[in-house]
N, C-alpha and C. Protein backbone atom coordinates (compact mmCIF):
# COMPACT_ATOMS: atom_id res chain seq x y z
N UNK A 1 -4.88 -15.72 -10.47
CA UNK A 1 -3.73 -14.83 -10.46
C UNK A 1 -3.73 -14.04 -11.77
N UNK A 2 -3.80 -12.72 -11.65
CA UNK A 2 -3.78 -11.85 -12.82
C UNK A 2 -2.35 -11.34 -13.06
N UNK A 3 -1.89 -11.41 -14.29
CA UNK A 3 -0.52 -10.98 -14.56
C UNK A 3 -0.33 -9.50 -14.25
N UNK A 4 -1.38 -8.69 -14.44
CA UNK A 4 -1.29 -7.25 -14.19
C UNK A 4 -1.00 -6.93 -12.73
N UNK A 5 -1.30 -7.87 -11.84
CA UNK A 5 -1.07 -7.66 -10.41
C UNK A 5 0.33 -8.08 -9.96
N UNK A 6 1.06 -8.75 -10.83
CA UNK A 6 2.39 -9.26 -10.45
C UNK A 6 3.45 -8.16 -10.55
N UNK A 7 4.21 -8.00 -9.50
CA UNK A 7 5.28 -7.00 -9.49
C UNK A 7 6.32 -7.29 -10.57
N UNK A 8 6.60 -8.55 -10.82
CA UNK A 8 7.59 -8.91 -11.85
C UNK A 8 7.11 -8.46 -13.23
N UNK A 9 5.82 -8.57 -13.50
CA UNK A 9 5.30 -8.10 -14.78
C UNK A 9 5.39 -6.58 -14.86
N UNK A 10 5.00 -5.89 -13.79
CA UNK A 10 5.04 -4.43 -13.77
C UNK A 10 6.47 -3.92 -13.99
N UNK A 11 7.42 -4.51 -13.30
CA UNK A 11 8.82 -4.06 -13.42
C UNK A 11 9.40 -4.36 -14.79
N UNK A 12 9.09 -5.52 -15.33
CA UNK A 12 9.64 -5.85 -16.65
C UNK A 12 8.98 -5.00 -17.74
N UNK A 13 7.71 -4.67 -17.58
CA UNK A 13 7.05 -3.79 -18.55
C UNK A 13 7.65 -2.38 -18.49
N UNK A 14 7.91 -1.89 -17.27
CA UNK A 14 8.55 -0.56 -17.13
C UNK A 14 9.93 -0.55 -17.77
N UNK A 15 10.69 -1.63 -17.57
CA UNK A 15 12.02 -1.71 -18.16
C UNK A 15 11.92 -1.71 -19.68
N UNK A 16 10.95 -2.41 -20.22
CA UNK A 16 10.77 -2.43 -21.66
C UNK A 16 10.49 -1.02 -22.19
N UNK A 17 9.66 -0.28 -21.50
CA UNK A 17 9.37 1.11 -21.89
C UNK A 17 10.65 1.95 -21.86
N UNK A 18 11.43 1.80 -20.80
CA UNK A 18 12.71 2.53 -20.70
C UNK A 18 13.62 2.22 -21.87
N UNK A 19 13.71 0.95 -22.22
CA UNK A 19 14.56 0.54 -23.34
C UNK A 19 14.11 1.17 -24.65
N UNK A 20 12.82 1.13 -24.90
CA UNK A 20 12.30 1.73 -26.13
C UNK A 20 12.62 3.21 -26.19
N UNK A 21 12.43 3.91 -25.09
CA UNK A 21 12.71 5.35 -25.07
C UNK A 21 14.19 5.63 -25.26
N UNK A 22 15.03 4.87 -24.56
CA UNK A 22 16.48 5.10 -24.62
C UNK A 22 17.06 4.76 -25.99
N UNK A 23 16.49 3.77 -26.64
CA UNK A 23 17.05 3.30 -27.92
C UNK A 23 16.40 3.97 -29.13
N UNK A 24 15.42 4.83 -28.92
CA UNK A 24 14.65 5.38 -30.04
C UNK A 24 15.50 6.13 -31.07
N UNK A 25 16.59 6.74 -30.65
CA UNK A 25 17.42 7.49 -31.58
C UNK A 25 18.60 6.71 -32.13
N UNK A 26 18.75 5.46 -31.72
CA UNK A 26 19.90 4.66 -32.15
C UNK A 26 19.78 4.30 -33.62
N UNK A 27 20.83 4.59 -34.37
CA UNK A 27 20.81 4.32 -35.82
C UNK A 27 21.12 2.87 -36.18
N UNK A 28 21.71 2.14 -35.26
CA UNK A 28 21.97 0.73 -35.50
C UNK A 28 20.65 -0.02 -35.30
N UNK A 29 19.89 -0.12 -36.39
CA UNK A 29 18.54 -0.68 -36.31
C UNK A 29 18.54 -2.14 -35.87
N UNK A 30 19.56 -2.89 -36.24
CA UNK A 30 19.63 -4.29 -35.84
C UNK A 30 19.76 -4.44 -34.34
N UNK A 31 20.68 -3.67 -33.76
CA UNK A 31 20.87 -3.73 -32.31
C UNK A 31 19.62 -3.21 -31.61
N UNK A 32 19.10 -2.09 -32.07
CA UNK A 32 17.92 -1.49 -31.45
C UNK A 32 16.75 -2.47 -31.47
N UNK A 33 16.54 -3.10 -32.62
CA UNK A 33 15.45 -4.06 -32.75
C UNK A 33 15.64 -5.24 -31.80
N UNK A 34 16.85 -5.76 -31.74
CA UNK A 34 17.10 -6.95 -30.92
C UNK A 34 16.92 -6.67 -29.44
N UNK A 35 17.46 -5.56 -28.96
CA UNK A 35 17.38 -5.28 -27.53
C UNK A 35 15.96 -4.91 -27.11
N UNK A 36 15.23 -4.20 -27.97
CA UNK A 36 13.85 -3.87 -27.61
C UNK A 36 12.95 -5.11 -27.69
N UNK A 37 13.25 -6.00 -28.63
CA UNK A 37 12.47 -7.24 -28.72
C UNK A 37 12.68 -8.13 -27.49
N UNK A 38 13.92 -8.29 -27.08
CA UNK A 38 14.16 -9.13 -25.91
C UNK A 38 13.55 -8.49 -24.66
N UNK A 39 13.64 -7.17 -24.56
CA UNK A 39 13.01 -6.49 -23.42
C UNK A 39 11.50 -6.64 -23.43
N UNK A 40 10.89 -6.56 -24.59
CA UNK A 40 9.44 -6.70 -24.72
C UNK A 40 8.99 -8.14 -24.47
N UNK A 41 9.86 -9.08 -24.77
CA UNK A 41 9.53 -10.48 -24.61
C UNK A 41 9.31 -10.88 -23.16
N UNK A 42 9.99 -10.23 -22.24
CA UNK A 42 9.88 -10.63 -20.82
C UNK A 42 8.45 -10.42 -20.31
N UNK A 43 7.91 -9.20 -20.29
CA UNK A 43 6.55 -9.05 -19.78
C UNK A 43 5.51 -9.74 -20.67
N UNK A 44 5.77 -9.81 -21.96
CA UNK A 44 4.81 -10.45 -22.87
C UNK A 44 4.67 -11.93 -22.56
N UNK A 45 5.78 -12.60 -22.29
CA UNK A 45 5.71 -14.03 -21.98
C UNK A 45 5.15 -14.29 -20.58
N UNK A 46 5.38 -13.38 -19.66
CA UNK A 46 4.74 -13.51 -18.34
C UNK A 46 3.23 -13.45 -18.53
N UNK A 47 2.77 -12.46 -19.29
CA UNK A 47 1.33 -12.30 -19.53
C UNK A 47 0.75 -13.52 -20.24
N UNK A 48 1.42 -13.96 -21.30
CA UNK A 48 0.90 -15.11 -22.04
C UNK A 48 0.86 -16.35 -21.16
N UNK A 49 1.90 -16.56 -20.39
CA UNK A 49 1.93 -17.73 -19.52
C UNK A 49 0.84 -17.73 -18.47
N UNK A 50 0.60 -16.60 -17.87
CA UNK A 50 -0.41 -16.53 -16.81
C UNK A 50 -1.83 -16.64 -17.35
N UNK A 51 -2.00 -16.41 -18.64
CA UNK A 51 -3.31 -16.54 -19.26
C UNK A 51 -3.59 -17.96 -19.74
N UNK A 52 -2.61 -18.84 -19.64
CA UNK A 52 -2.74 -20.20 -20.17
C UNK A 52 -3.07 -21.21 -19.09
N UNK A 53 -3.59 -22.32 -19.56
CA UNK A 53 -3.79 -23.50 -18.76
C UNK A 53 -3.29 -24.66 -19.61
N UNK A 54 -2.79 -25.71 -19.16
CA UNK A 54 -2.60 -26.07 -17.76
C UNK A 54 -1.38 -25.38 -17.16
N UNK A 55 -1.15 -25.67 -15.91
CA UNK A 55 -0.08 -25.04 -15.16
C UNK A 55 1.29 -25.28 -15.79
N UNK A 56 1.47 -26.43 -16.43
CA UNK A 56 2.74 -26.75 -17.09
C UNK A 56 3.04 -25.72 -18.20
N UNK A 57 2.01 -25.30 -18.93
CA UNK A 57 2.18 -24.25 -19.95
C UNK A 57 2.59 -22.94 -19.31
N UNK A 58 2.00 -22.62 -18.18
CA UNK A 58 2.36 -21.39 -17.47
C UNK A 58 3.85 -21.39 -17.14
N UNK A 59 4.30 -22.49 -16.59
CA UNK A 59 5.72 -22.59 -16.21
C UNK A 59 6.63 -22.45 -17.43
N UNK A 60 6.23 -23.03 -18.54
CA UNK A 60 7.04 -22.96 -19.77
C UNK A 60 7.20 -21.51 -20.23
N UNK A 61 6.15 -20.73 -20.18
CA UNK A 61 6.25 -19.33 -20.60
C UNK A 61 7.06 -18.50 -19.62
N UNK A 62 7.01 -18.85 -18.36
CA UNK A 62 7.86 -18.15 -17.38
C UNK A 62 9.33 -18.49 -17.68
N UNK A 63 9.61 -19.73 -18.05
CA UNK A 63 10.96 -20.11 -18.46
C UNK A 63 11.41 -19.32 -19.69
N UNK A 64 10.52 -19.11 -20.64
CA UNK A 64 10.86 -18.32 -21.83
C UNK A 64 11.16 -16.88 -21.42
N UNK A 65 10.35 -16.32 -20.53
CA UNK A 65 10.60 -14.96 -20.04
C UNK A 65 11.95 -14.87 -19.35
N UNK A 66 12.29 -15.90 -18.59
CA UNK A 66 13.59 -15.95 -17.91
C UNK A 66 14.74 -15.97 -18.92
N UNK A 67 14.59 -16.75 -19.97
CA UNK A 67 15.60 -16.79 -21.02
C UNK A 67 15.74 -15.44 -21.72
N UNK A 68 14.62 -14.79 -21.99
CA UNK A 68 14.65 -13.46 -22.62
C UNK A 68 15.31 -12.44 -21.72
N UNK A 69 15.13 -12.58 -20.43
CA UNK A 69 15.76 -11.66 -19.49
C UNK A 69 17.29 -11.82 -19.52
N UNK A 70 17.76 -13.05 -19.62
CA UNK A 70 19.19 -13.29 -19.77
C UNK A 70 19.72 -12.76 -21.08
N UNK A 71 18.95 -12.92 -22.14
CA UNK A 71 19.32 -12.39 -23.45
C UNK A 71 19.43 -10.86 -23.38
N UNK A 72 18.45 -10.24 -22.75
CA UNK A 72 18.46 -8.79 -22.59
C UNK A 72 19.68 -8.32 -21.82
N UNK A 73 20.00 -9.01 -20.73
CA UNK A 73 21.16 -8.62 -19.91
C UNK A 73 22.44 -8.71 -20.74
N UNK A 74 22.57 -9.73 -21.56
CA UNK A 74 23.73 -9.88 -22.44
C UNK A 74 23.82 -8.70 -23.41
N UNK A 75 22.70 -8.33 -23.98
CA UNK A 75 22.69 -7.21 -24.93
C UNK A 75 23.02 -5.89 -24.25
N UNK A 76 22.62 -5.73 -23.01
CA UNK A 76 22.97 -4.52 -22.27
C UNK A 76 24.48 -4.47 -22.06
N UNK A 77 25.07 -5.59 -21.65
CA UNK A 77 26.54 -5.63 -21.48
C UNK A 77 27.24 -5.22 -22.78
N UNK A 78 26.78 -5.80 -23.87
CA UNK A 78 27.40 -5.49 -25.17
C UNK A 78 27.16 -4.03 -25.53
N UNK A 79 25.96 -3.54 -25.32
CA UNK A 79 25.64 -2.15 -25.61
C UNK A 79 26.52 -1.18 -24.84
N UNK A 80 26.84 -1.51 -23.61
CA UNK A 80 27.75 -0.68 -22.81
C UNK A 80 29.13 -0.68 -23.44
N UNK A 81 29.61 -1.86 -23.78
CA UNK A 81 30.98 -1.98 -24.31
C UNK A 81 31.16 -1.32 -25.67
N UNK A 82 30.13 -1.27 -26.47
CA UNK A 82 30.27 -0.65 -27.79
C UNK A 82 29.84 0.82 -27.78
N UNK A 83 29.47 1.32 -26.61
CA UNK A 83 29.16 2.73 -26.47
C UNK A 83 27.74 3.14 -26.81
N UNK A 84 26.84 2.18 -26.95
CA UNK A 84 25.44 2.51 -27.24
C UNK A 84 24.66 2.85 -25.97
N UNK A 85 25.13 2.33 -24.85
CA UNK A 85 24.44 2.51 -23.57
C UNK A 85 25.44 3.09 -22.57
N UNK A 86 25.04 4.15 -21.90
CA UNK A 86 25.90 4.76 -20.88
C UNK A 86 26.07 3.78 -19.72
N UNK A 87 27.27 3.72 -19.17
CA UNK A 87 27.58 2.75 -18.11
C UNK A 87 26.63 2.81 -16.93
N UNK A 88 26.33 3.99 -16.48
CA UNK A 88 25.46 4.12 -15.29
C UNK A 88 24.05 3.59 -15.58
N UNK A 89 23.51 3.97 -16.72
CA UNK A 89 22.18 3.49 -17.10
C UNK A 89 22.21 1.98 -17.32
N UNK A 90 23.25 1.49 -17.98
CA UNK A 90 23.38 0.06 -18.22
C UNK A 90 23.50 -0.72 -16.93
N UNK A 91 24.27 -0.19 -15.97
CA UNK A 91 24.42 -0.87 -14.68
C UNK A 91 23.07 -0.97 -13.97
N UNK A 92 22.27 0.08 -14.08
CA UNK A 92 20.94 0.06 -13.47
C UNK A 92 20.05 -0.99 -14.14
N UNK A 93 20.11 -1.07 -15.46
CA UNK A 93 19.32 -2.07 -16.18
C UNK A 93 19.80 -3.49 -15.87
N UNK A 94 21.11 -3.67 -15.76
CA UNK A 94 21.63 -5.00 -15.43
C UNK A 94 21.13 -5.43 -14.05
N UNK A 95 21.18 -4.52 -13.09
CA UNK A 95 20.68 -4.84 -11.74
C UNK A 95 19.20 -5.19 -11.79
N UNK A 96 18.44 -4.43 -12.57
CA UNK A 96 17.00 -4.69 -12.68
C UNK A 96 16.75 -6.05 -13.33
N UNK A 97 17.49 -6.40 -14.37
CA UNK A 97 17.28 -7.71 -15.00
C UNK A 97 17.65 -8.85 -14.05
N UNK A 98 18.65 -8.65 -13.22
CA UNK A 98 18.98 -9.69 -12.23
C UNK A 98 17.84 -9.88 -11.23
N UNK A 99 17.26 -8.78 -10.78
CA UNK A 99 16.15 -8.88 -9.84
C UNK A 99 14.92 -9.50 -10.51
N UNK A 100 14.66 -9.10 -11.73
CA UNK A 100 13.53 -9.68 -12.47
C UNK A 100 13.75 -11.18 -12.66
N UNK A 101 14.97 -11.59 -13.00
CA UNK A 101 15.27 -13.02 -13.15
C UNK A 101 14.99 -13.77 -11.85
N UNK A 102 15.42 -13.22 -10.74
CA UNK A 102 15.19 -13.87 -9.44
C UNK A 102 13.69 -13.97 -9.15
N UNK A 103 12.96 -12.93 -9.49
CA UNK A 103 11.51 -12.95 -9.29
C UNK A 103 10.85 -14.01 -10.18
N UNK A 104 11.34 -14.14 -11.40
CA UNK A 104 10.79 -15.15 -12.32
C UNK A 104 11.05 -16.56 -11.82
N UNK A 105 12.24 -16.79 -11.26
CA UNK A 105 12.54 -18.11 -10.68
C UNK A 105 11.57 -18.41 -9.54
N UNK A 106 11.33 -17.41 -8.70
CA UNK A 106 10.38 -17.58 -7.61
C UNK A 106 8.97 -17.87 -8.11
N UNK A 107 8.54 -17.16 -9.15
CA UNK A 107 7.22 -17.38 -9.73
C UNK A 107 7.13 -18.79 -10.32
N UNK A 108 8.16 -19.18 -11.06
CA UNK A 108 8.17 -20.53 -11.65
C UNK A 108 8.08 -21.59 -10.56
N UNK A 109 8.84 -21.41 -9.48
CA UNK A 109 8.82 -22.37 -8.38
C UNK A 109 7.46 -22.43 -7.70
N UNK A 110 6.83 -21.26 -7.54
CA UNK A 110 5.49 -21.23 -6.95
C UNK A 110 4.48 -21.93 -7.85
N UNK A 111 4.59 -21.73 -9.14
CA UNK A 111 3.69 -22.40 -10.07
C UNK A 111 3.90 -23.91 -10.03
N UNK A 112 5.14 -24.34 -9.87
CA UNK A 112 5.44 -25.76 -9.82
C UNK A 112 4.80 -26.42 -8.58
N UNK A 113 4.62 -25.65 -7.53
CA UNK A 113 4.04 -26.19 -6.29
C UNK A 113 2.52 -26.32 -6.35
N UNK A 114 1.91 -25.63 -7.30
CA UNK A 114 0.45 -25.69 -7.40
C UNK A 114 0.02 -27.09 -7.82
N UNK A 115 -0.87 -27.68 -7.06
CA UNK A 115 -1.34 -29.02 -7.35
C UNK A 115 -2.59 -29.01 -8.22
N UNK A 116 -3.37 -27.94 -8.10
CA UNK A 116 -4.63 -27.87 -8.84
C UNK A 116 -4.69 -26.58 -9.63
N UNK A 117 -5.51 -26.57 -10.63
CA UNK A 117 -5.73 -25.36 -11.42
C UNK A 117 -6.66 -24.42 -10.69
N UNK A 118 -6.47 -23.11 -10.97
CA UNK A 118 -7.34 -22.10 -10.34
C UNK A 118 -8.71 -22.14 -10.93
């Protein structure tokens, strides 16, 4: 299984790109750094996990990606409330992070079912 072929990796990488572009002009460097880091962490941990063996390590990195996705969603909510993120764009990102989280749970569950290494 190649991480580049996974839809969850593709979608989370696209979201990370969107975040970087949208936040590029934000002067609050702390917020900008934190939200882009959590966004970047999702596809990065998917990739790292899928490149690892044994399968237990893979699952652990998918769990980390799932946690980063929740962290990102929290930061989007806060960004909306403090006026850094437009509501419509934020709502779209929140929906995307929910779908990515669901996909990550499915991936983790599929990895848990694997009895042997590839």
